[in-house]
Amino acid sequence: MTNHTNLSLCEILDARAAKAAEGDWFPASGGTETPFLTRSGRTLLYCWQPSTGRHAYLDCGTDILLTDEEAFGFLATA
């Protein structure tokens, strides 16, 4: 998450516009991915952003895309 504490309103709006220009996220695997419950109790959805070719996990409880480290922490089996 970006810290906007020291940014001007114009800088914040420019950052939001740049993020929006990257495009929407969709369920991965051609839209066939479905949310699943992790051992830690979080519900995640594996997503894909066609415009960038990136994949990420969406936390369905918070509606926030997770970093790889966060997602792997929730997916850990130990």
Protein backbone atom coordinates (compact mmCIF):
# COMPACT_ATOMS: atom_id res chain seq x y z
CA MET A 1 0.00 0.00 0.00
CA THR A 2 1.28 3.45 -0.87
CA ASN A 3 1.85 5.99 1.89
CA HIS A 4 0.30 9.28 0.73
CA THR A 5 1.42 11.28 3.78
CA ASN A 6 3.95 13.45 1.96
CA LEU A 7 2.27 13.64 -1.45
CA SER A 8 0.29 16.51 -2.88
CA LEU A 9 -3.27 15.99 -4.06
CA CYS A 10 -2.08 16.11 -7.68
CA GLU A 11 0.52 13.41 -6.99
CA ILE A 12 -2.07 11.19 -5.30
CA LEU A 13 -4.52 11.62 -8.18
CA ASP A 14 -1.77 10.93 -10.74
CA ALA A 15 -0.82 7.73 -8.89
CA ARG A 16 -4.46 6.59 -8.86
CA ALA A 17 -4.85 7.35 -12.56
CA ALA A 18 -1.68 5.40 -13.39
CA LYS A 19 -2.94 2.42 -11.38
CA ALA A 20 -6.34 2.56 -13.10
CA ALA A 21 -4.63 2.66 -16.50
CA GLU A 22 -3.06 -0.74 -15.76
CA GLY A 23 -6.52 -2.29 -16.09
CA ASP A 24 -8.83 -4.58 -14.18
CA TRP A 25 -8.09 -7.88 -12.48
CA PHE A 26 -9.99 -11.05 -13.39
CA PRO A 27 -10.15 -14.59 -11.99
CA ALA A 28 -7.14 -16.45 -13.43
CA SER A 29 -7.14 -19.58 -15.61
CA GLY A 30 -9.47 -18.08 -18.19
CA GLY A 31 -11.96 -16.99 -15.54
CA THR A 32 -12.36 -20.46 -14.03
CA GLU A 33 -10.62 -19.76 -10.69
CA THR A 34 -12.95 -19.68 -7.70
CA PRO A 35 -12.35 -18.38 -4.17
CA PHE A 36 -10.87 -20.89 -1.72
CA LEU A 37 -10.38 -21.02 2.02
CA THR A 38 -6.80 -21.15 3.30
CA ARG A 39 -5.65 -23.00 6.40
CA SER A 40 -5.32 -19.61 8.12
CA GLY A 41 -9.03 -18.92 7.52
CA ARG A 42 -8.65 -16.35 4.73
CA THR A 43 -10.63 -16.64 1.50
CA LEU A 44 -8.39 -15.94 -1.50
CA LEU A 45 -8.94 -15.75 -5.24
CA TYR A 46 -6.10 -16.20 -7.74
CA CYS A 47 -6.38 -13.35 -10.26
CA TRP A 48 -4.80 -12.15 -13.50
CA GLN A 49 -4.37 -8.66 -14.96
CA PRO A 50 -4.38 -9.04 -18.78
CA SER A 51 -2.86 -5.63 -19.52
CA THR A 52 0.28 -6.37 -17.50
CA GLY A 53 0.33 -10.17 -17.52
CA ARG A 54 0.62 -10.17 -13.72
CA HIS A 55 -0.96 -12.68 -11.35
CA ALA A 56 -1.83 -12.05 -7.69
CA TYR A 57 -4.05 -13.32 -4.90
CA LEU A 58 -7.06 -11.24 -3.89
CA ASP A 59 -8.11 -11.39 -0.23
CA CYS A 60 -11.89 -11.66 -0.59
CA GLY A 61 -12.45 -10.49 3.00
CA THR A 62 -10.64 -7.19 2.55
CA ASP A 63 -10.81 -6.77 -1.26
CA ILE A 64 -7.05 -6.12 -1.30
CA LEU A 65 -4.47 -7.68 -3.60
CA LEU A 66 -1.78 -9.38 -1.55
CA THR A 67 1.95 -9.27 -2.05
CA ASP A 68 3.50 -12.66 -2.81
CA GLU A 69 4.91 -12.79 0.73
CA GLU A 70 1.49 -12.13 2.29
CA ALA A 71 -0.24 -14.70 0.08
CA PHE A 72 2.40 -17.37 0.71
CA GLY A 73 2.06 -16.71 4.45
CA PHE A 74 -1.66 -17.45 4.27
CA LEU A 75 -1.04 -20.48 2.06
CA ALA A 76 1.63 -21.99 4.34
CA THR A 77 0.83 -25.50 5.44
CA ALA A 78 2.91 -25.48 8.61
